[in-house]
Amino acid sequence: MICLKFMLVVTSILTHVEGASGVTPICPSEEEIFPCTCEVDSTSLLRLDCSDVASENELSMIFNNELPTKNFHSLKITKNDKLKTLPKGVFGKNTFEEVLFIEGALEVVQPEALIGSASTLRKLQIRSHKLRSFPFGEVGYYRNLSKLYLGNNDLDSFPRIVSTSLKELNLAQNPLKHIPAGGLYGMPNLRIVYLYSCEIAEVPAGVSYFLNMNENSVVFLEEEIFRPVLERGAHLSIESNPLACGCDIAWLVRSPNLLAKVEGRSACSDGTLITEQDPTDYIMC
């Protein structure tokens, strides 16, 4: 009985030592996670790099083993052209705060691929892949997810996302072409949206945060849409668009306080900067 009590006490201590202040967490052994690697950074966070995995099955086998540590700060996979799909449950019960897939051939993220991190995931980035299918409907399950970056992929329709935690959304360099009415309403805490190079010609009403619309097909800056954006304190970047700069921008040119919120070198189709337009040229509007 005394031995059993001693074992229980030791087990409890070992279970909590990883999270104790000032105690460095321990990576799984090389054999347990090969070809992935693990390091403990200068702030005692566990960071995994699985860039060399050869298949979805290999990735699943690693994370569905009984690893001594299941809580990691980050997972990174870069320049991997072997992974095409992230299947459901691929990471088992392991949790991450950041997941980064940079440059590769990933096409599909299945529902519940990252569900083990529903309470821990704060940042998800899948950039410069061939992503065409993503479970946007479950974004709201990730209650601490504040940054979702899916730039430079093959997403061809604007997703409907419902999330109270999301603050930054990057869908730039996807062939979206169109933002449906109400497409951005389900994210009340959203502050920054990147939609440059998406072949978008119009912006729906109701936007109230920093909006990057560079390199699209916007021709008119309609007052009923863009004035509320700027009046709410948001900023607008709209470089490399074929802006007509006719009477549609008279309201903006005549409002120095709002004009100051147009960032970068946003210019008319003739090359003149919006911020350098002469208000007297718009007297007849």
C-alpha atoms as a PDB file:
ATOM      1  CA  MET A   1       0.000   0.000   0.000  1.00  0.00           C
ATOM      2  CA  ILE A   2       2.865   2.386   0.851  1.00  0.00           C
ATOM      3  CA  CYS A   3       4.543   1.615  -2.517  1.00  0.00           C
ATOM      4  CA  LEU A   4       1.302   2.223  -4.367  1.00  0.00           C
ATOM      5  CA  LYS A   5       0.819   5.625  -2.693  1.00  0.00           C
ATOM      6  CA  PHE A   6       4.418   6.533  -3.517  1.00  0.00           C
ATOM      7  CA  MET A   7       3.895   5.593  -7.162  1.00  0.00           C
ATOM      8  CA  LEU A   8       0.753   7.719  -7.344  1.00  0.00           C
ATOM      9  CA  VAL A   9       2.568  10.727  -5.923  1.00  0.00           C
ATOM     10  CA  VAL A  10       5.488  10.325  -8.333  1.00  0.00           C
ATOM     11  CA  THR A  11       3.129   9.919 -11.288  1.00  0.00           C
ATOM     12  CA  SER A  12       1.280  13.098 -10.318  1.00  0.00           C
ATOM     13  CA  ILE A  13       4.536  15.035 -10.082  1.00  0.00           C
ATOM     14  CA  LEU A  14       5.746  13.778 -13.464  1.00  0.00           C
ATOM     15  CA  THR A  15       2.423  14.593 -15.087  1.00  0.00           C
ATOM     16  CA  HIS A  16       2.601  18.211 -13.997  1.00  0.00           C
ATOM     17  CA  VAL A  17       6.305  18.905 -14.164  1.00  0.00           C
ATOM     18  CA  GLU A  18       6.124  19.769 -17.856  1.00  0.00           C
ATOM     19  CA  GLY A  19       3.855  22.709 -17.166  1.00  0.00           C
ATOM     20  CA  ALA A  20       5.634  23.846 -14.032  1.00  0.00           C
ATOM     21  CA  SER A  21       7.168  27.299 -14.098  1.00  0.00           C
ATOM     22  CA  GLY A  22      10.860  27.271 -14.922  1.00  0.00           C
ATOM     23  CA  VAL A  23      10.918  23.586 -15.928  1.00  0.00           C
ATOM     24  CA  THR A  24      11.932  22.842 -19.502  1.00  0.00           C
ATOM     25  CA  PRO A  25       9.529  20.490 -21.317  1.00  0.00           C
ATOM     26  CA  ILE A  26      10.970  17.389 -22.938  1.00  0.00           C
ATOM     27  CA  CYS A  27      10.621  16.517 -26.628  1.00  0.00           C
ATOM     28  CA  PRO A  28       9.645  13.007 -27.722  1.00  0.00           C
ATOM     29  CA  SER A  29      12.617  10.893 -28.730  1.00  0.00           C
ATOM     30  CA  GLU A  30      13.908  11.042 -32.311  1.00  0.00           C
ATOM     31  CA  GLU A  31      12.801   7.450 -32.892  1.00  0.00           C
ATOM     32  CA  GLU A  32       9.224   8.191 -31.833  1.00  0.00           C
ATOM     33  CA  ILE A  33       8.661  11.027 -34.290  1.00  0.00           C
ATOM     34  CA  PHE A  34      11.124  10.403 -37.152  1.00  0.00           C
ATOM     35  CA  PRO A  35      11.314  11.985 -39.745  1.00  0.00           C
ATOM     36  CA  CYS A  36       9.849  14.874 -37.728  1.00  0.00           C
ATOM     37  CA  THR A  37      12.123  16.841 -35.449  1.00  0.00           C
ATOM     38  CA  CYS A  38      11.405  18.567 -32.163  1.00  0.00           C
ATOM     39  CA  GLU A  39      13.104  21.412 -30.371  1.00  0.00           C
ATOM     40  CA  VAL A  40      12.576  23.359 -27.190  1.00  0.00           C
ATOM     41  CA  ASP A  41      12.983  27.038 -27.982  1.00  0.00           C
ATOM     42  CA  SER A  42      14.421  29.764 -25.759  1.00  0.00           C
ATOM     43  CA  THR A  43      11.017  30.322 -24.153  1.00  0.00           C
ATOM     44  CA  SER A  44      10.594  26.606 -23.325  1.00  0.00           C
ATOM     45  CA  LEU A  45       8.021  25.965 -26.053  1.00  0.00           C
ATOM     46  CA  LEU A  46       7.925  22.681 -27.952  1.00  0.00           C
ATOM     47  CA  ARG A  47       8.165  23.147 -31.714  1.00  0.00           C
ATOM     48  CA  LEU A  48       7.755  20.318 -34.224  1.00  0.00           C
ATOM     49  CA  ASP A  49       8.950  20.281 -37.825  1.00  0.00           C
ATOM     50  CA  CYS A  50       7.513  17.516 -40.003  1.00  0.00           C
ATOM     51  CA  SER A  51       8.593  18.876 -43.379  1.00  0.00           C
ATOM     52  CA  ASP A  52      10.169  15.558 -44.397  1.00  0.00           C
ATOM     53  CA  VAL A  53       7.173  13.249 -43.958  1.00  0.00           C
ATOM     54  CA  ALA A  54       6.615  11.104 -47.047  1.00  0.00           C
ATOM     55  CA  SER A  55       2.842  10.574 -46.874  1.00  0.00           C
ATOM     56  CA  GLU A  56      -0.395  11.165 -45.012  1.00  0.00           C
ATOM     57  CA  ASN A  57      -0.101   7.666 -43.539  1.00  0.00           C
ATOM     58  CA  GLU A  58       3.336   8.355 -42.135  1.00  0.00           C
ATOM     59  CA  LEU A  59       2.125  11.602 -40.568  1.00  0.00           C
ATOM     60  CA  SER A  60      -0.852   9.818 -39.028  1.00  0.00           C
ATOM     61  CA  MET A  61       1.274   6.964 -37.669  1.00  0.00           C
ATOM     62  CA  ILE A  62       3.570   9.412 -35.872  1.00  0.00           C
ATOM     63  CA  PHE A  63       0.796  11.312 -34.129  1.00  0.00           C
ATOM     64  CA  ASN A  64      -1.442   8.363 -33.389  1.00  0.00           C
ATOM     65  CA  ASN A  65       1.325   6.663 -31.406  1.00  0.00           C
ATOM     66  CA  GLU A  66       1.386   7.115 -27.655  1.00  0.00           C
ATOM     67  CA  LEU A  67       3.785  10.038 -27.445  1.00  0.00           C
ATOM     68  CA  PRO A  68       4.993  10.984 -23.960  1.00  0.00           C
ATOM     69  CA  THR A  69       4.106  14.602 -24.709  1.00  0.00           C
ATOM     70  CA  LYS A  70       0.886  15.552 -26.471  1.00  0.00           C
ATOM     71  CA  ASN A  71       0.829  19.308 -26.078  1.00  0.00           C
ATOM     72  CA  PHE A  72       3.009  21.218 -28.520  1.00  0.00           C
ATOM     73  CA  HIS A  73       3.282  24.896 -29.248  1.00  0.00           C
ATOM     74  CA  SER A  74       3.698  24.614 -33.001  1.00  0.00           C
ATOM     75  CA  LEU A  75       3.820  22.269 -35.965  1.00  0.00           C
ATOM     76  CA  LYS A  76       5.544  23.352 -39.166  1.00  0.00           C
ATOM     77  CA  ILE A  77       5.604  21.625 -42.555  1.00  0.00           C
ATOM     78  CA  THR A  78       7.384  23.507 -45.339  1.00  0.00           C
ATOM     79  CA  LYS A  79       8.117  22.757 -48.988  1.00  0.00           C
ATOM     80  CA  ASN A  80       6.512  19.321 -48.883  1.00  0.00           C
ATOM     81  CA  ASP A  81       4.950  18.085 -52.130  1.00  0.00           C
ATOM     82  CA  LYS A  82       3.974  14.633 -50.771  1.00  0.00           C
ATOM     83  CA  LEU A  83       0.994  15.645 -48.647  1.00  0.00           C
ATOM     84  CA  LYS A  84      -2.193  16.138 -50.679  1.00  0.00           C
ATOM     85  CA  THR A  85      -4.827  15.673 -47.980  1.00  0.00           C
ATOM     86  CA  LEU A  86      -5.066  16.243 -44.243  1.00  0.00           C
ATOM     87  CA  PRO A  87      -7.441  13.462 -43.204  1.00  0.00           C
ATOM     88  CA  LYS A  88      -9.766  13.407 -40.223  1.00  0.00           C
ATOM     89  CA  GLY A  89      -7.945  12.611 -36.989  1.00  0.00           C
ATOM     90  CA  VAL A  90      -4.490  12.711 -38.564  1.00  0.00           C
ATOM     91  CA  PHE A  91      -2.978  14.294 -35.438  1.00  0.00           C
ATOM     92  CA  GLY A  92      -4.716  12.047 -32.934  1.00  0.00           C
ATOM     93  CA  LYS A  93      -5.105  13.616 -29.499  1.00  0.00           C
ATOM     94  CA  ASN A  94      -2.088  15.876 -29.849  1.00  0.00           C
ATOM     95  CA  THR A  95      -2.672  19.616 -29.529  1.00  0.00           C
ATOM     96  CA  PHE A  96      -1.051  22.663 -31.111  1.00  0.00           C
ATOM     97  CA  GLU A  97      -1.295  26.413 -30.706  1.00  0.00           C
ATOM     98  CA  GLU A  98       0.107  27.134 -34.168  1.00  0.00           C
ATOM     99  CA  VAL A  99       0.000  25.010 -37.325  1.00  0.00           C
ATOM    100  CA  LEU A 100       1.943  26.206 -40.358  1.00  0.00           C
ATOM    101  CA  PHE A 101       1.920  24.637 -43.824  1.00  0.00           C
ATOM    102  CA  ILE A 102       4.127  26.741 -46.102  1.00  0.00           C
ATOM    103  CA  GLU A 103       4.628  25.912 -49.801  1.00  0.00           C
ATOM    104  CA  GLY A 104       3.475  22.499 -50.923  1.00  0.00           C
ATOM    105  CA  ALA A 105       0.795  20.489 -52.711  1.00  0.00           C
ATOM    106  CA  LEU A 106      -1.949  20.263 -50.084  1.00  0.00           C
ATOM    107  CA  GLU A 107      -5.372  20.224 -51.771  1.00  0.00           C
ATOM    108  CA  VAL A 108      -7.873  19.118 -49.138  1.00  0.00           C
ATOM    109  CA  VAL A 109      -8.266  19.599 -45.409  1.00  0.00           C
ATOM    110  CA  GLN A 110     -10.953  17.198 -44.241  1.00  0.00           C
ATOM    111  CA  PRO A 111     -13.402  18.047 -41.447  1.00  0.00           C
ATOM    112  CA  GLU A 112     -11.956  17.338 -37.979  1.00  0.00           C
ATOM    113  CA  ALA A 113      -8.393  17.087 -39.266  1.00  0.00           C
ATOM    114  CA  LEU A 114      -7.326  19.424 -36.454  1.00  0.00           C
ATOM    115  CA  ILE A 115     -10.188  18.858 -34.046  1.00  0.00           C
ATOM    116  CA  GLY A 116      -7.839  17.741 -31.245  1.00  0.00           C
ATOM    117  CA  SER A 117      -6.662  21.363 -31.091  1.00  0.00           C
ATOM    118  CA  ALA A 118     -10.164  22.832 -30.889  1.00  0.00           C
ATOM    119  CA  SER A 119      -9.406  24.521 -27.560  1.00  0.00           C
ATOM    120  CA  THR A 120      -5.731  25.403 -28.165  1.00  0.00           C
ATOM    121  CA  LEU A 121      -5.266  26.462 -31.810  1.00  0.00           C
ATOM    122  CA  ARG A 122      -4.591  30.181 -32.155  1.00  0.00           C
ATOM    123  CA  LYS A 123      -3.021  30.446 -35.588  1.00  0.00           C
ATOM    124  CA  LEU A 124      -3.509  28.310 -38.712  1.00  0.00           C
ATOM    125  CA  GLN A 125      -1.586  29.099 -41.863  1.00  0.00           C
ATOM    126  CA  ILE A 126      -1.766  27.135 -45.110  1.00  0.00           C
ATOM    127  CA  ARG A 127       0.060  29.312 -47.616  1.00  0.00           C
ATOM    128  CA  SER A 128       1.188  28.689 -51.189  1.00  0.00           C
ATOM    129  CA  HIS A 129      -0.415  25.289 -51.615  1.00  0.00           C
ATOM    130  CA  LYS A 130      -3.137  24.044 -53.977  1.00  0.00           C
ATOM    131  CA  LEU A 131      -5.880  24.153 -51.385  1.00  0.00           C
ATOM    132  CA  ARG A 132      -9.351  23.877 -52.907  1.00  0.00           C
ATOM    133  CA  SER A 133     -11.339  22.357 -50.043  1.00  0.00           C
ATOM    134  CA  PHE A 134     -11.312  23.524 -46.414  1.00  0.00           C
ATOM    135  CA  PRO A 135     -13.859  22.906 -43.602  1.00  0.00           C
ATOM    136  CA  PHE A 136     -14.849  26.532 -43.063  1.00  0.00           C
ATOM    137  CA  GLY A 137     -18.049  25.400 -41.369  1.00  0.00           C
ATOM    138  CA  GLU A 138     -16.154  24.224 -38.303  1.00  0.00           C
ATOM    139  CA  VAL A 139     -13.927  27.290 -37.816  1.00  0.00           C
ATOM    140  CA  GLY A 140     -16.194  28.380 -34.968  1.00  0.00           C
ATOM    141  CA  TYR A 141     -15.331  25.197 -33.041  1.00  0.00           C
ATOM    142  CA  TYR A 142     -11.787  26.523 -32.596  1.00  0.00           C
ATOM    143  CA  ARG A 143     -12.705  28.958 -29.878  1.00  0.00           C
ATOM    144  CA  ASN A 144      -9.239  30.539 -29.545  1.00  0.00           C
ATOM    145  CA  LEU A 145      -8.386  30.733 -33.243  1.00  0.00           C
ATOM    146  CA  SER A 146      -7.585  34.392 -33.941  1.00  0.00           C
ATOM    147  CA  LYS A 147      -5.522  34.155 -37.149  1.00  0.00           C
ATOM    148  CA  LEU A 148      -6.517  32.175 -40.243  1.00  0.00           C
ATOM    149  CA  TYR A 149      -4.147  32.600 -43.198  1.00  0.00           C
ATOM    150  CA  LEU A 150      -5.021  30.715 -46.394  1.00  0.00           C
ATOM    151  CA  GLY A 151      -3.321  32.920 -48.967  1.00  0.00           C
ATOM    152  CA  ASN A 152      -2.092  31.857 -52.400  1.00  0.00           C
ATOM    153  CA  ASN A 153      -4.248  28.777 -52.913  1.00  0.00           C
ATOM    154  CA  ASP A 154      -7.023  27.580 -55.253  1.00  0.00           C
ATOM    155  CA  LEU A 155     -10.126  28.482 -53.225  1.00  0.00           C
ATOM    156  CA  ASP A 156     -12.661  29.627 -55.818  1.00  0.00           C
ATOM    157  CA  SER A 157     -15.619  30.743 -53.709  1.00  0.00           C
ATOM    158  CA  PHE A 158     -15.848  33.048 -50.729  1.00  0.00           C
ATOM    159  CA  PRO A 159     -16.507  31.008 -47.580  1.00  0.00           C
ATOM    160  CA  ARG A 160     -19.152  31.662 -44.980  1.00  0.00           C
ATOM    161  CA  ILE A 161     -17.373  31.695 -41.648  1.00  0.00           C
ATOM    162  CA  VAL A 162     -18.930  32.016 -38.208  1.00  0.00           C
ATOM    163  CA  SER A 163     -16.376  32.727 -35.481  1.00  0.00           C
ATOM    164  CA  THR A 164     -16.319  34.937 -32.405  1.00  0.00           C
ATOM    165  CA  SER A 165     -12.548  34.587 -31.940  1.00  0.00           C
ATOM    166  CA  LEU A 166     -11.214  35.306 -35.436  1.00  0.00           C
ATOM    167  CA  LYS A 167      -9.390  38.656 -35.704  1.00  0.00           C
ATOM    168  CA  GLU A 168      -7.300  38.278 -38.860  1.00  0.00           C
ATOM    169  CA  LEU A 169      -8.328  36.572 -42.094  1.00  0.00           C
ATOM    170  CA  ASN A 170      -6.098  36.194 -45.134  1.00  0.00           C
ATOM    171  CA  LEU A 171      -7.671  34.838 -48.322  1.00  0.00           C
ATOM    172  CA  ALA A 172      -5.422  36.789 -50.679  1.00  0.00           C
ATOM    173  CA  GLN A 173      -4.291  35.343 -54.010  1.00  0.00           C
ATOM    174  CA  ASN A 174      -7.241  32.990 -54.370  1.00  0.00           C
ATOM    175  CA  PRO A 175      -9.568  33.152 -57.418  1.00  0.00           C
ATOM    176  CA  LEU A 176     -12.567  34.192 -55.307  1.00  0.00           C
ATOM    177  CA  LYS A 177     -13.915  36.786 -57.787  1.00  0.00           C
ATOM    178  CA  HIS A 178     -16.888  37.692 -55.587  1.00  0.00           C
ATOM    179  CA  ILE A 179     -17.747  38.439 -51.958  1.00  0.00           C
ATOM    180  CA  PRO A 180     -21.401  37.521 -51.302  1.00  0.00           C
ATOM    181  CA  ALA A 181     -23.616  39.895 -49.368  1.00  0.00           C
ATOM    182  CA  GLY A 182     -23.207  39.117 -45.694  1.00  0.00           C
ATOM    183  CA  GLY A 183     -20.122  37.043 -46.392  1.00  0.00           C
ATOM    184  CA  LEU A 184     -18.190  38.808 -43.637  1.00  0.00           C
ATOM    185  CA  TYR A 185     -20.972  39.215 -41.072  1.00  0.00           C
ATOM    186  CA  GLY A 186     -20.308  36.068 -39.032  1.00  0.00           C
ATOM    187  CA  MET A 187     -17.044  37.319 -37.504  1.00  0.00           C
ATOM    188  CA  PRO A 188     -17.860  40.150 -35.081  1.00  0.00           C
ATOM    189  CA  ASN A 189     -14.281  40.523 -33.798  1.00  0.00           C
ATOM    190  CA  LEU A 190     -12.597  40.553 -37.195  1.00  0.00           C
ATOM    191  CA  ARG A 191     -10.124  43.439 -37.526  1.00  0.00           C
ATOM    192  CA  ILE A 192      -7.999  42.740 -40.609  1.00  0.00           C
ATOM    193  CA  VAL A 193      -8.915  41.111 -43.927  1.00  0.00           C
ATOM    194  CA  TYR A 194      -6.469  40.499 -46.760  1.00  0.00           C
ATOM    195  CA  LEU A 195      -8.162  40.029 -50.124  1.00  0.00           C
ATOM    196  CA  TYR A 196      -5.547  41.266 -52.572  1.00  0.00           C
ATOM    197  CA  SER A 197      -5.190  39.544 -55.959  1.00  0.00           C
ATOM    198  CA  CYS A 198      -8.576  37.791 -55.742  1.00  0.00           C
ATOM    199  CA  GLU A 199     -10.123  39.129 -58.989  1.00  0.00           C
ATOM    200  CA  ILE A 200     -12.815  40.897 -56.943  1.00  0.00           C
ATOM    201  CA  ALA A 201     -14.693  43.774 -58.562  1.00  0.00           C
ATOM    202  CA  GLU A 202     -17.058  44.836 -55.770  1.00  0.00           C
ATOM    203  CA  VAL A 203     -17.002  45.052 -51.991  1.00  0.00           C
ATOM    204  CA  PRO A 204     -20.202  44.314 -50.046  1.00  0.00           C
ATOM    205  CA  ALA A 205     -21.596  46.734 -47.490  1.00  0.00           C
ATOM    206  CA  GLY A 206     -20.957  46.142 -43.820  1.00  0.00           C
ATOM    207  CA  VAL A 207     -17.168  45.929 -43.792  1.00  0.00           C
ATOM    208  CA  SER A 208     -15.767  47.592 -40.664  1.00  0.00           C
ATOM    209  CA  TYR A 209     -12.064  46.777 -40.397  1.00  0.00           C
ATOM    210  CA  PHE A 210      -8.757  47.168 -42.204  1.00  0.00           C
ATOM    211  CA  LEU A 211      -9.324  45.895 -45.711  1.00  0.00           C
ATOM    212  CA  ASN A 212      -6.549  45.092 -48.172  1.00  0.00           C
ATOM    213  CA  MET A 213      -8.044  44.980 -51.675  1.00  0.00           C
ATOM    214  CA  ASN A 214      -4.839  45.476 -53.648  1.00  0.00           C
ATOM    215  CA  GLU A 215      -4.523  43.980 -57.130  1.00  0.00           C
ATOM    216  CA  ASN A 216      -8.190  43.333 -57.799  1.00  0.00           C
ATOM    217  CA  SER A 217     -10.715  44.661 -60.317  1.00  0.00           C
ATOM    218  CA  VAL A 218     -12.442  47.400 -58.302  1.00  0.00           C
ATOM    219  CA  VAL A 219     -13.531  50.329 -60.509  1.00  0.00           C
ATOM    220  CA  PHE A 220     -15.760  52.417 -58.247  1.00  0.00           C
ATOM    221  CA  LEU A 221     -15.459  53.454 -54.603  1.00  0.00           C
ATOM    222  CA  GLU A 222     -19.149  53.727 -53.817  1.00  0.00           C
ATOM    223  CA  GLU A 223     -19.858  56.093 -50.927  1.00  0.00           C
ATOM    224  CA  GLU A 224     -22.581  53.924 -49.420  1.00  0.00           C
ATOM    225  CA  ILE A 225     -20.101  51.069 -49.051  1.00  0.00           C
ATOM    226  CA  PHE A 226     -16.748  52.673 -48.290  1.00  0.00           C
ATOM    227  CA  ARG A 227     -17.750  55.713 -46.221  1.00  0.00           C
ATOM    228  CA  PRO A 228     -19.078  53.554 -43.342  1.00  0.00           C
ATOM    229  CA  VAL A 229     -15.865  51.504 -43.483  1.00  0.00           C
ATOM    230  CA  LEU A 230     -13.671  54.550 -42.973  1.00  0.00           C
ATOM    231  CA  GLU A 231     -15.987  56.299 -40.530  1.00  0.00           C
ATOM    232  CA  ARG A 232     -15.810  53.286 -38.224  1.00  0.00           C
ATOM    233  CA  GLY A 233     -12.056  53.836 -37.983  1.00  0.00           C
ATOM    234  CA  ALA A 234     -10.989  51.169 -40.475  1.00  0.00           C
ATOM    235  CA  HIS A 235      -8.299  51.696 -43.083  1.00  0.00           C
ATOM    236  CA  LEU A 236      -8.336  50.787 -46.762  1.00  0.00           C
ATOM    237  CA  SER A 237      -5.568  49.690 -49.097  1.00  0.00           C
ATOM    238  CA  ILE A 238      -6.670  49.480 -52.716  1.00  0.00           C
ATOM    239  CA  GLU A 239      -3.538  49.670 -54.847  1.00  0.00           C
ATOM    240  CA  SER A 240      -3.378  48.294 -58.404  1.00  0.00           C
ATOM    241  CA  ASN A 241      -7.095  48.491 -59.170  1.00  0.00           C
ATOM    242  CA  PRO A 242      -8.601  50.121 -62.294  1.00  0.00           C
ATOM    243  CA  LEU A 243     -10.235  52.914 -60.286  1.00  0.00           C
ATOM    244  CA  ALA A 244     -12.234  55.316 -62.452  1.00  0.00           C
ATOM    245  CA  CYS A 245     -11.837  58.217 -59.981  1.00  0.00           C
ATOM    246  CA  GLY A 246     -14.898  60.036 -61.312  1.00  0.00           C
ATOM    247  CA  CYS A 247     -17.657  61.465 -59.200  1.00  0.00           C
ATOM    248  CA  ASP A 248     -17.727  58.205 -57.253  1.00  0.00           C
ATOM    249  CA  ILE A 249     -14.725  59.438 -55.186  1.00  0.00           C
ATOM    250  CA  ALA A 250     -15.885  63.042 -54.734  1.00  0.00           C
ATOM    251  CA  TRP A 251     -17.101  62.236 -51.209  1.00  0.00           C
ATOM    252  CA  LEU A 252     -13.675  60.866 -50.330  1.00  0.00           C
ATOM    253  CA  VAL A 253     -11.583  63.662 -51.844  1.00  0.00           C
ATOM    254  CA  ARG A 254     -13.678  66.244 -49.992  1.00  0.00           C
ATOM    255  CA  SER A 255     -13.158  64.500 -46.623  1.00  0.00           C
ATOM    256  CA  PRO A 256      -9.525  64.871 -45.523  1.00  0.00           C
ATOM    257  CA  ASN A 257     -10.039  62.830 -42.363  1.00  0.00           C
ATOM    258  CA  LEU A 258     -11.382  59.892 -44.352  1.00  0.00           C
ATOM    259  CA  LEU A 259      -8.865  60.291 -47.166  1.00  0.00           C
ATOM    260  CA  ALA A 260      -6.075  59.939 -44.602  1.00  0.00           C
ATOM    261  CA  LYS A 261      -7.256  56.386 -43.970  1.00  0.00           C
ATOM    262  CA  VAL A 262      -6.542  55.300 -47.539  1.00  0.00           C
ATOM    263  CA  GLU A 263      -3.173  53.598 -47.235  1.00  0.00           C
ATOM    264  CA  GLY A 264      -0.236  52.945 -49.520  1.00  0.00           C
ATOM    265  CA  ARG A 265      -0.095  54.244 -53.062  1.00  0.00           C
ATOM    266  CA  SER A 266      -3.711  53.690 -54.038  1.00  0.00           C
ATOM    267  CA  ALA A 267      -4.061  55.317 -57.429  1.00  0.00           C
ATOM    268  CA  CYS A 268      -6.562  56.018 -60.176  1.00  0.00           C
ATOM    269  CA  SER A 269      -6.353  54.172 -63.478  1.00  0.00           C
ATOM    270  CA  ASP A 270      -4.401  57.115 -64.935  1.00  0.00           C
ATOM    271  CA  GLY A 271      -1.711  56.679 -62.277  1.00  0.00           C
ATOM    272  CA  THR A 272      -2.507  59.714 -60.121  1.00  0.00           C
ATOM    273  CA  LEU A 273      -2.750  58.999 -56.411  1.00  0.00           C
ATOM    274  CA  ILE A 274      -6.153  59.237 -54.762  1.00  0.00           C
ATOM    275  CA  THR A 275      -4.580  61.161 -51.909  1.00  0.00           C
ATOM    276  CA  GLU A 276      -3.328  63.816 -54.353  1.00  0.00           C
ATOM    277  CA  GLN A 277      -6.659  64.524 -56.057  1.00  0.00           C
ATOM    278  CA  ASP A 278      -7.713  68.205 -56.106  1.00  0.00           C
ATOM    279  CA  PRO A 279     -11.123  68.665 -54.420  1.00  0.00           C
ATOM    280  CA  THR A 280     -11.892  71.569 -56.795  1.00  0.00           C
ATOM    281  CA  ASP A 281     -11.928  69.103 -59.690  1.00  0.00           C
ATOM    282  CA  TYR A 282     -15.036  67.542 -58.168  1.00  0.00           C
ATOM    283  CA  ILE A 283     -17.139  70.679 -57.641  1.00  0.00           C
ATOM    284  CA  MET A 284     -19.632  69.631 -60.304  1.00  0.00           C
ATOM    285  CA  CYS A 285     -20.218  66.191 -58.784  1.00  0.00           C
END
